[in-house]
Amino acid sequence: MDDTGRIRLARKAGVILSLGAGSFIAGYLSLQLTIGSAPVFDPRDILVVCGGVLAGPVGGGLVGLSAGITGQEPPVFVPLYALGGILTGLLAGFLRREKRWMPGAALGLGACYPLAGLLMMGMGLWDRIAALAFQALVMQFTCILVLSIIGSLDPAIFSWEDEMEKSPKDSFT
């Protein structure tokens, strides 16, 4: 493995470890913004989306797995967050190659909310479906906002793989 591959692997490992630890802690401590009894915002959503965008489908899946195992109903939250991270990574990679990734990158996790709703119906958790739908709406716009802010602070952060593929002499021209 050359230096470029090691740097890319180290960056992705750092992103996965830091976002995975953050999502695990947020789930363990049940950090949520609630209105009444309905959860409105879960910080694990943003961490999983950022993991998928910054570390690809594998990174998003691993961050999603760590976010889901600390959920109140792990059989629901593990597939929700893991598949959401994988779909976010795939969608973000495709949209980045097409040079139009924002705001579509945040839709990967949002695509998994209907799947989680079906799983909840199958498990008899009807009372949680409305809260999940409301949370999905808030999550989409919040993730787009956070990713836009990150992209405006450092536009090169979303092009790690593109920058790594350039040779050193290409960076001077």
C-alpha atoms as a PDB file:
ATOM      1  CA  MET A   1       0.000   0.000   0.000  1.00  0.00           C
ATOM      2  CA  ASP A   2       1.429   3.377  -0.988  1.00  0.00           C
ATOM      3  CA  ASP A   3       1.370   6.582   1.067  1.00  0.00           C
ATOM      4  CA  THR A   4      -1.774   7.849  -0.650  1.00  0.00           C
ATOM      5  CA  GLY A   5      -3.679   4.708   0.294  1.00  0.00           C
ATOM      6  CA  ARG A   6      -2.457   4.893   3.885  1.00  0.00           C
ATOM      7  CA  ILE A   7      -3.484   8.540   4.203  1.00  0.00           C
ATOM      8  CA  ARG A   8      -6.926   7.789   2.745  1.00  0.00           C
ATOM      9  CA  LEU A   9      -7.386   4.819   5.080  1.00  0.00           C
ATOM     10  CA  ALA A  10      -6.237   6.832   8.112  1.00  0.00           C
ATOM     11  CA  ARG A  11      -8.647   9.666   7.299  1.00  0.00           C
ATOM     12  CA  LYS A  12     -11.571   7.312   6.851  1.00  0.00           C
ATOM     13  CA  ALA A  13     -10.687   5.399  10.028  1.00  0.00           C
ATOM     14  CA  GLY A  14     -10.527   8.666  11.978  1.00  0.00           C
ATOM     15  CA  VAL A  15     -13.901   9.775  10.633  1.00  0.00           C
ATOM     16  CA  ILE A  16     -15.495   6.395  11.351  1.00  0.00           C
ATOM     17  CA  LEU A  17     -14.075   6.176  14.877  1.00  0.00           C
ATOM     18  CA  SER A  18     -14.949   9.721  15.889  1.00  0.00           C
ATOM     19  CA  LEU A  19     -18.456   9.765  14.400  1.00  0.00           C
ATOM     20  CA  GLY A  20     -19.131   6.196  15.546  1.00  0.00           C
ATOM     21  CA  ALA A  21     -18.115   7.049  19.113  1.00  0.00           C
ATOM     22  CA  GLY A  22     -20.244  10.194  19.026  1.00  0.00           C
ATOM     23  CA  SER A  23     -23.293   8.329  17.748  1.00  0.00           C
ATOM     24  CA  PHE A  24     -22.820   5.563  20.320  1.00  0.00           C
ATOM     25  CA  ILE A  25     -22.592   8.113  23.136  1.00  0.00           C
ATOM     26  CA  ALA A  26     -25.605  10.068  21.845  1.00  0.00           C
ATOM     27  CA  GLY A  27     -27.654   6.874  21.734  1.00  0.00           C
ATOM     28  CA  TYR A  28     -26.436   5.648  25.106  1.00  0.00           C
ATOM     29  CA  LEU A  29     -27.265   8.956  26.778  1.00  0.00           C
ATOM     30  CA  SER A  30     -30.561   9.215  24.809  1.00  0.00           C
ATOM     31  CA  LEU A  31     -29.756  12.719  23.631  1.00  0.00           C
ATOM     32  CA  GLN A  32     -32.839  14.015  21.820  1.00  0.00           C
ATOM     33  CA  LEU A  33     -34.716  17.228  21.406  1.00  0.00           C
ATOM     34  CA  THR A  34     -38.337  16.444  22.210  1.00  0.00           C
ATOM     35  CA  ILE A  35     -41.612  18.325  22.079  1.00  0.00           C
ATOM     36  CA  GLY A  36     -43.940  16.698  24.564  1.00  0.00           C
ATOM     37  CA  SER A  37     -43.279  12.996  24.213  1.00  0.00           C
ATOM     38  CA  ALA A  38     -42.410  13.014  20.498  1.00  0.00           C
ATOM     39  CA  PRO A  39     -38.707  13.028  19.583  1.00  0.00           C
ATOM     40  CA  VAL A  40     -38.051  15.825  17.129  1.00  0.00           C
ATOM     41  CA  PHE A  41     -34.341  15.605  16.585  1.00  0.00           C
ATOM     42  CA  ASP A  42     -31.805  12.844  17.213  1.00  0.00           C
ATOM     43  CA  PRO A  43     -28.128  13.806  16.789  1.00  0.00           C
ATOM     44  CA  ARG A  44     -27.323  10.284  15.606  1.00  0.00           C
ATOM     45  CA  ASP A  45     -29.032  11.123  12.310  1.00  0.00           C
ATOM     46  CA  ILE A  46     -26.514  13.832  11.488  1.00  0.00           C
ATOM     47  CA  LEU A  47     -23.551  11.724  12.589  1.00  0.00           C
ATOM     48  CA  VAL A  48     -24.630   8.807  10.382  1.00  0.00           C
ATOM     49  CA  VAL A  49     -25.204  11.060   7.375  1.00  0.00           C
ATOM     50  CA  CYS A  50     -21.808  12.731   7.849  1.00  0.00           C
ATOM     51  CA  GLY A  51     -20.194   9.291   8.202  1.00  0.00           C
ATOM     52  CA  GLY A  52     -21.732   8.144   4.927  1.00  0.00           C
ATOM     53  CA  VAL A  53     -20.755  11.324   3.084  1.00  0.00           C
ATOM     54  CA  LEU A  54     -17.202  11.541   4.442  1.00  0.00           C
ATOM     55  CA  ALA A  55     -16.249   7.848   4.686  1.00  0.00           C
ATOM     56  CA  GLY A  56     -18.390   6.198   2.023  1.00  0.00           C
ATOM     57  CA  PRO A  57     -20.907   3.382   2.316  1.00  0.00           C
ATOM     58  CA  VAL A  58     -18.766   1.182   4.574  1.00  0.00           C
ATOM     59  CA  GLY A  59     -18.035   4.072   6.933  1.00  0.00           C
ATOM     60  CA  GLY A  60     -21.674   5.117   6.979  1.00  0.00           C
ATOM     61  CA  GLY A  61     -22.736   1.555   7.717  1.00  0.00           C
ATOM     62  CA  LEU A  62     -20.282   1.228  10.609  1.00  0.00           C
ATOM     63  CA  VAL A  63     -21.294   4.576  12.103  1.00  0.00           C
ATOM     64  CA  GLY A  64     -24.936   3.559  11.644  1.00  0.00           C
ATOM     65  CA  LEU A  65     -24.312   0.250  13.373  1.00  0.00           C
ATOM     66  CA  SER A  66     -22.807   1.995  16.400  1.00  0.00           C
ATOM     67  CA  ALA A  67     -25.733   4.441  16.422  1.00  0.00           C
ATOM     68  CA  GLY A  68     -28.345   1.691  16.253  1.00  0.00           C
ATOM     69  CA  ILE A  69     -27.114  -0.710  18.916  1.00  0.00           C
ATOM     70  CA  THR A  70     -27.754   1.834  21.659  1.00  0.00           C
ATOM     71  CA  GLY A  71     -31.301   2.609  20.489  1.00  0.00           C
ATOM     72  CA  GLN A  72     -34.421   1.871  22.516  1.00  0.00           C
ATOM     73  CA  GLU A  73     -35.443  -0.908  20.121  1.00  0.00           C
ATOM     74  CA  PRO A  74     -32.223  -2.271  18.547  1.00  0.00           C
ATOM     75  CA  PRO A  75     -34.082  -4.525  16.056  1.00  0.00           C
ATOM     76  CA  VAL A  76     -35.558  -1.327  14.581  1.00  0.00           C
ATOM     77  CA  PHE A  77     -32.679   1.113  14.962  1.00  0.00           C
ATOM     78  CA  VAL A  78     -29.793  -1.118  13.806  1.00  0.00           C
ATOM     79  CA  PRO A  79     -31.203  -1.660  10.291  1.00  0.00           C
ATOM     80  CA  LEU A  80     -32.466   1.935  10.136  1.00  0.00           C
ATOM     81  CA  TYR A  81     -29.118   3.540  10.853  1.00  0.00           C
ATOM     82  CA  ALA A  82     -26.879   0.916   9.208  1.00  0.00           C
ATOM     83  CA  LEU A  83     -28.836   0.883   5.935  1.00  0.00           C
ATOM     84  CA  GLY A  84     -29.186   4.654   6.131  1.00  0.00           C
ATOM     85  CA  GLY A  85     -25.412   5.074   6.397  1.00  0.00           C
ATOM     86  CA  ILE A  86     -24.794   2.679   3.522  1.00  0.00           C
ATOM     87  CA  LEU A  87     -27.396   4.337   1.283  1.00  0.00           C
ATOM     88  CA  THR A  88     -26.095   7.785   2.200  1.00  0.00           C
ATOM     89  CA  GLY A  89     -22.552   6.767   1.267  1.00  0.00           C
ATOM     90  CA  LEU A  90     -23.648   5.268  -2.048  1.00  0.00           C
ATOM     91  CA  LEU A  91     -25.843   8.237  -2.924  1.00  0.00           C
ATOM     92  CA  ALA A  92     -23.222  10.793  -1.888  1.00  0.00           C
ATOM     93  CA  GLY A  93     -20.534   9.031  -3.934  1.00  0.00           C
ATOM     94  CA  PHE A  94     -22.750   8.906  -7.008  1.00  0.00           C
ATOM     95  CA  LEU A  95     -23.823  12.531  -6.677  1.00  0.00           C
ATOM     96  CA  ARG A  96     -20.252  13.688  -6.025  1.00  0.00           C
ATOM     97  CA  ARG A  97     -19.101  12.032  -9.249  1.00  0.00           C
ATOM     98  CA  GLU A  98     -21.943  13.833 -11.032  1.00  0.00           C
ATOM     99  CA  LYS A  99     -20.804  17.164  -9.474  1.00  0.00           C
ATOM    100  CA  ARG A 100     -24.202  17.832  -7.906  1.00  0.00           C
ATOM    101  CA  TRP A 101     -24.161  16.142  -4.538  1.00  0.00           C
ATOM    102  CA  MET A 102     -25.878  18.771  -2.379  1.00  0.00           C
ATOM    103  CA  PRO A 103     -28.557  18.462  -1.068  1.00  0.00           C
ATOM    104  CA  GLY A 104     -29.108  14.927  -2.301  1.00  0.00           C
ATOM    105  CA  ALA A 105     -26.511  13.326  -0.029  1.00  0.00           C
ATOM    106  CA  ALA A 106     -28.791  13.606   2.994  1.00  0.00           C
ATOM    107  CA  LEU A 107     -31.509  11.546   1.318  1.00  0.00           C
ATOM    108  CA  GLY A 108     -29.838   8.183   1.995  1.00  0.00           C
ATOM    109  CA  LEU A 109     -30.860   8.013   5.617  1.00  0.00           C
ATOM    110  CA  GLY A 110     -34.230   9.547   4.801  1.00  0.00           C
ATOM    111  CA  ALA A 111     -34.894   6.688   2.381  1.00  0.00           C
ATOM    112  CA  CYS A 112     -34.619   4.220   5.262  1.00  0.00           C
ATOM    113  CA  TYR A 113     -37.312   5.807   7.407  1.00  0.00           C
ATOM    114  CA  PRO A 114     -40.170   4.182   5.418  1.00  0.00           C
ATOM    115  CA  LEU A 115     -38.367   0.829   5.793  1.00  0.00           C
ATOM    116  CA  ALA A 116     -38.142   1.364   9.546  1.00  0.00           C
ATOM    117  CA  GLY A 117     -41.835   2.286   9.603  1.00  0.00           C
ATOM    118  CA  LEU A 118     -42.713  -1.034   7.957  1.00  0.00           C
ATOM    119  CA  LEU A 119     -40.486  -2.865  10.429  1.00  0.00           C
ATOM    120  CA  MET A 120     -42.174  -1.060  13.326  1.00  0.00           C
ATOM    121  CA  MET A 121     -45.613  -1.996  11.996  1.00  0.00           C
ATOM    122  CA  GLY A 122     -44.488  -5.619  11.798  1.00  0.00           C
ATOM    123  CA  MET A 123     -43.289  -5.485  15.406  1.00  0.00           C
ATOM    124  CA  GLY A 124     -46.518  -3.864  16.610  1.00  0.00           C
ATOM    125  CA  LEU A 125     -44.938  -0.496  17.458  1.00  0.00           C
ATOM    126  CA  TRP A 126     -47.732   1.565  15.876  1.00  0.00           C
ATOM    127  CA  ASP A 127     -47.450   4.386  18.404  1.00  0.00           C
ATOM    128  CA  ARG A 128     -43.897   5.245  17.304  1.00  0.00           C
ATOM    129  CA  ILE A 129     -44.598   5.608  13.559  1.00  0.00           C
ATOM    130  CA  ALA A 130     -45.905   9.193  13.697  1.00  0.00           C
ATOM    131  CA  ALA A 131     -42.907  10.297  15.761  1.00  0.00           C
ATOM    132  CA  LEU A 132     -40.573   8.594  13.268  1.00  0.00           C
ATOM    133  CA  ALA A 133     -42.216  10.376  10.330  1.00  0.00           C
ATOM    134  CA  PHE A 134     -41.926  13.774  12.016  1.00  0.00           C
ATOM    135  CA  GLN A 135     -38.320  13.066  12.981  1.00  0.00           C
ATOM    136  CA  ALA A 136     -37.526  12.160   9.350  1.00  0.00           C
ATOM    137  CA  LEU A 137     -38.759  15.541   8.116  1.00  0.00           C
ATOM    138  CA  VAL A 138     -36.685  17.480  10.642  1.00  0.00           C
ATOM    139  CA  MET A 139     -33.628  15.289  10.055  1.00  0.00           C
ATOM    140  CA  GLN A 140     -33.533  15.905   6.302  1.00  0.00           C
ATOM    141  CA  PHE A 141     -33.315  19.669   6.563  1.00  0.00           C
ATOM    142  CA  THR A 142     -30.958  19.636   9.533  1.00  0.00           C
ATOM    143  CA  CYS A 143     -28.531  17.281   7.766  1.00  0.00           C
ATOM    144  CA  ILE A 144     -28.580  19.428   4.641  1.00  0.00           C
ATOM    145  CA  LEU A 145     -27.854  22.500   6.769  1.00  0.00           C
ATOM    146  CA  VAL A 146     -24.964  20.849   8.629  1.00  0.00           C
ATOM    147  CA  LEU A 147     -23.413  19.457   5.430  1.00  0.00           C
ATOM    148  CA  SER A 148     -23.748  22.867   3.752  1.00  0.00           C
ATOM    149  CA  ILE A 149     -21.977  24.541   6.665  1.00  0.00           C
ATOM    150  CA  ILE A 150     -19.183  21.947   6.627  1.00  0.00           C
ATOM    151  CA  GLY A 151     -18.822  22.357   2.859  1.00  0.00           C
ATOM    152  CA  SER A 152     -18.681  26.153   3.109  1.00  0.00           C
ATOM    153  CA  LEU A 153     -15.963  26.019   5.779  1.00  0.00           C
ATOM    154  CA  ASP A 154     -13.738  23.654   3.813  1.00  0.00           C
ATOM    155  CA  PRO A 155     -14.886  22.805   0.275  1.00  0.00           C
ATOM    156  CA  ALA A 156     -12.097  20.236  -0.125  1.00  0.00           C
ATOM    157  CA  ILE A 157     -13.365  18.065   2.732  1.00  0.00           C
ATOM    158  CA  PHE A 158     -15.865  16.295   0.493  1.00  0.00           C
ATOM    159  CA  SER A 159     -13.292  15.605  -2.217  1.00  0.00           C
ATOM    160  CA  TRP A 160     -10.719  13.595  -0.277  1.00  0.00           C
ATOM    161  CA  GLU A 161     -10.740  10.739  -2.738  1.00  0.00           C
ATOM    162  CA  ASP A 162     -10.570  13.080  -5.737  1.00  0.00           C
ATOM    163  CA  GLU A 163      -7.566  14.905  -4.253  1.00  0.00           C
ATOM    164  CA  MET A 164      -5.825  11.630  -3.391  1.00  0.00           C
ATOM    165  CA  GLU A 165      -6.092  10.370  -6.960  1.00  0.00           C
ATOM    166  CA  LYS A 166      -4.170  13.386  -8.313  1.00  0.00           C
ATOM    167  CA  SER A 167      -0.435  13.030  -8.541  1.00  0.00           C
ATOM    168  CA  PRO A 168       1.781  15.583  -6.747  1.00  0.00           C
ATOM    169  CA  LYS A 169       2.743  17.252 -10.026  1.00  0.00           C
ATOM    170  CA  ASP A 170      -0.967  17.740 -10.887  1.00  0.00           C
ATOM    171  CA  SER A 171      -1.460  19.837  -7.778  1.00  0.00           C
ATOM    172  CA  PHE A 172       1.012  22.475  -9.022  1.00  0.00           C
ATOM    173  CA  THR A 173      -0.638  22.980 -12.403  1.00  0.00           C
END
